[in-house]
Amino acid sequence: MKKFKPSKKFMKLAIDEAKKAIEGGNYAIGAVVVKEGKVIGKGAQSSHSNNDASAHAEIVAMRQASKKLGTMYLTDCVLYTTNEPCCMCAGMAIWGRVECIVYGASIKDMLKYWKEIGNEQKLMPCKKIIKGYGAAIEIVPNFMRKECIILFNLNSKINKSLK
């Protein structure tokens, strides 16, 4: 497997999407899909504002990228996301044949935060899901992690109401 070198420029765009999610009253999670150095999909988490459990930032970004490419396959694409993808988002990355996932905050970081605000959850690390499926997706964890963890606290009042 290749060793992918992530770009701060694209993670900063994902962070901008997370800030849009906050403005919409959602969890601060953002994502972008990049192919050949160009953003082809963007997504801000919008599950709460759209009453759609599937409207995670990664799903929104991958749907937009697929539409732009005219195919469900995101071959040679990189998914940048402020948080480690959940099982649904990891599953879509597998089915969409994403080449690499770059994430900031980990599932452990997210679970710790949710516990602190009284919204305990159980999530499986995306690496375990991807490995269990046998997919060859490269994972770059904890990229710009501190900047992504800061997002948790930007909307803590909103998050408490979203339990």
Protein backbone atom coordinates (compact mmCIF):
# COMPACT_ATOMS: atom_id res chain seq x y z
CA MET A 1 0.00 0.00 0.00
CA LYS A 2 1.20 3.53 -0.80
CA LYS A 3 2.13 5.97 1.91
CA PHE A 4 -0.20 8.90 1.30
CA LYS A 5 1.04 12.36 2.23
CA PRO A 6 -1.94 14.43 3.47
CA SER A 7 -2.42 18.13 2.84
CA LYS A 8 -3.30 20.70 5.51
CA LYS A 9 -5.08 22.70 2.82
CA PHE A 10 -7.74 20.01 2.39
CA MET A 11 -8.18 19.31 6.11
CA LYS A 12 -8.69 23.05 6.63
CA LEU A 13 -11.51 22.88 4.07
CA ALA A 14 -13.04 19.98 6.02
CA ILE A 15 -12.77 22.10 9.19
CA ASP A 16 -14.60 24.92 7.36
CA GLU A 17 -17.38 22.44 6.53
CA ALA A 18 -17.55 21.44 10.21
CA LYS A 19 -18.07 25.09 11.11
CA LYS A 20 -20.96 25.21 8.61
CA ALA A 21 -22.45 22.19 10.40
CA ILE A 22 -22.37 24.14 13.67
CA GLU A 23 -24.17 27.06 12.04
CA GLY A 24 -26.90 24.61 10.98
CA GLY A 25 -27.34 23.26 14.51
CA ASN A 26 -25.47 19.99 13.92
CA TYR A 27 -22.42 18.23 15.31
CA ALA A 28 -19.20 19.89 14.16
CA ILE A 29 -18.10 17.40 11.52
CA GLY A 30 -16.93 18.25 8.03
CA ALA A 31 -15.48 16.36 5.08
CA VAL A 32 -14.10 16.85 1.59
CA VAL A 33 -13.30 14.42 -1.21
CA VAL A 34 -10.21 15.15 -3.29
CA LYS A 35 -9.16 13.69 -6.64
CA GLU A 36 -5.96 14.68 -8.42
CA GLY A 37 -5.49 17.66 -6.11
CA LYS A 38 -9.00 19.06 -6.65
CA VAL A 39 -11.97 19.07 -4.30
CA ILE A 40 -14.84 17.21 -5.95
CA GLY A 41 -17.13 16.90 -2.94
CA LYS A 42 -17.80 18.77 0.30
CA GLY A 43 -20.01 17.90 3.23
CA ALA A 44 -21.12 19.37 6.53
CA GLN A 45 -22.88 17.09 9.00
CA SER A 46 -26.60 17.84 8.65
CA SER A 47 -28.41 14.88 10.21
CA HIS A 48 -30.21 16.95 12.82
CA SER A 49 -31.17 19.90 10.65
CA ASN A 50 -32.39 17.60 7.84
CA ASN A 51 -33.91 14.88 10.05
CA ASP A 52 -31.79 12.40 8.08
CA ALA A 53 -29.65 9.90 9.97
CA SER A 54 -27.57 9.31 6.83
CA ALA A 55 -26.60 12.98 6.36
CA HIS A 56 -23.15 12.59 7.88
CA ALA A 57 -20.49 14.91 6.47
CA GLU A 58 -18.60 12.06 4.82
CA ILE A 59 -21.74 10.67 3.16
CA VAL A 60 -22.73 14.13 1.87
CA ALA A 61 -19.22 14.71 0.48
CA MET A 62 -18.98 11.27 -1.15
CA ARG A 63 -22.47 11.61 -2.70
CA GLN A 64 -21.48 14.98 -4.17
CA ALA A 65 -18.21 13.55 -5.50
CA SER A 66 -19.97 10.57 -7.08
CA LYS A 67 -22.48 12.87 -8.74
CA LYS A 68 -19.71 15.07 -10.10
CA LEU A 69 -17.78 12.07 -11.44
CA GLY A 70 -20.90 10.37 -12.78
CA THR A 71 -20.06 7.09 -11.03
CA MET A 72 -20.43 5.54 -7.61
CA TYR A 73 -16.74 4.63 -7.66
CA LEU A 74 -14.38 7.11 -6.03
CA THR A 75 -11.25 5.40 -7.27
CA ASP A 76 -8.10 7.47 -6.72
CA CYS A 77 -10.00 9.74 -4.32
CA VAL A 78 -9.05 10.80 -0.82
CA LEU A 79 -11.65 11.47 1.88
CA TYR A 80 -10.59 14.11 4.40
CA THR A 81 -12.78 14.26 7.49
CA THR A 82 -12.52 16.06 10.80
CA ASN A 83 -13.59 12.91 12.67
CA GLU A 84 -12.84 9.25 12.18
CA PRO A 85 -15.65 7.81 10.05
CA CYS A 86 -18.39 5.76 11.71
CA CYS A 87 -19.37 2.31 10.40
CA MET A 88 -21.86 3.79 7.90
CA CYS A 89 -19.34 6.25 6.46
CA ALA A 90 -16.54 3.66 6.42
CA GLY A 91 -18.92 1.29 4.64
CA MET A 92 -19.67 3.86 1.95
CA ALA A 93 -15.93 4.50 1.52
CA ILE A 94 -15.45 0.75 1.04
CA TRP A 95 -18.30 0.39 -1.48
CA GLY A 96 -17.20 3.59 -3.24
CA ARG A 97 -13.61 2.33 -3.48
CA VAL A 98 -12.04 5.38 -1.84
CA GLU A 99 -8.25 5.10 -1.95
CA CYS A 100 -7.42 6.84 1.33
CA ILE A 101 -9.16 8.25 4.41
CA VAL A 102 -7.48 11.08 6.30
CA TYR A 103 -9.10 11.97 9.61
CA GLY A 104 -8.44 14.35 12.49
CA ALA A 105 -10.14 13.40 15.75
CA SER A 106 -10.44 9.70 16.51
CA ILE A 107 -13.45 7.66 17.56
CA LYS A 108 -11.88 7.58 21.06
CA ASP A 109 -11.74 11.39 21.10
CA MET A 110 -15.37 11.61 20.03
CA LEU A 111 -16.56 9.03 22.56
CA LYS A 112 -14.74 10.86 25.35
CA TYR A 113 -16.41 14.13 24.36
CA TRP A 114 -19.86 12.58 24.07
CA LYS A 115 -19.47 10.98 27.50
CA GLU A 116 -18.56 14.38 28.96
CA ILE A 117 -21.78 15.92 27.60
CA GLY A 118 -23.90 12.96 28.74
CA ASN A 119 -24.44 11.37 25.34
CA GLU A 120 -22.61 8.04 25.62
CA GLN A 121 -22.37 6.03 22.42
CA LYS A 122 -20.59 2.96 21.12
CA LEU A 123 -18.64 3.18 17.89
CA MET A 124 -16.16 0.90 16.16
CA PRO A 125 -12.91 2.30 14.74
CA CYS A 126 -13.05 2.58 10.94
CA LYS A 127 -9.75 0.70 10.58
CA LYS A 128 -11.38 -2.35 12.16
CA ILE A 129 -14.37 -2.11 9.80
CA ILE A 130 -12.18 -1.68 6.73
CA LYS A 131 -9.81 -4.49 7.75
CA GLY A 132 -12.75 -6.78 8.54
CA TYR A 133 -14.13 -6.22 5.06
CA GLY A 134 -10.74 -6.78 3.47
CA ALA A 135 -10.70 -3.43 1.70
CA ALA A 136 -7.40 -1.84 0.70
CA ILE A 137 -8.09 1.70 1.91
CA GLU A 138 -5.10 3.53 3.31
CA ILE A 139 -5.87 5.33 6.58
CA VAL A 140 -4.02 8.39 7.83
CA PRO A 141 -5.19 8.93 11.43
CA ASN A 142 -4.91 11.92 13.76
CA PHE A 143 -4.01 14.42 11.02
CA MET A 144 -4.42 17.95 12.46
CA ARG A 145 -6.06 16.23 15.43
CA LYS A 146 -5.82 19.19 17.82
CA GLU A 147 -7.54 21.52 15.35
CA CYS A 148 -10.32 18.97 14.88
CA ILE A 149 -10.82 18.30 18.59
CA ILE A 150 -11.28 22.04 19.14
CA LEU A 151 -14.41 21.78 16.99
CA PHE A 152 -16.10 19.64 19.67
CA ASN A 153 -16.21 22.57 22.04
CA LEU A 154 -17.26 25.24 19.55
CA ASN A 155 -20.83 24.08 19.74
CA SER A 156 -21.04 22.38 23.11
CA LYS A 157 -24.33 24.15 23.96
CA ILE A 158 -25.87 22.92 20.73
CA ASN A 159 -24.50 19.41 21.24
CA LYS A 160 -26.10 19.15 24.68
CA SER A 161 -29.49 19.77 23.09
CA LEU A 162 -28.86 17.14 20.37
CA LYS A 163 -28.62 14.13 22.71
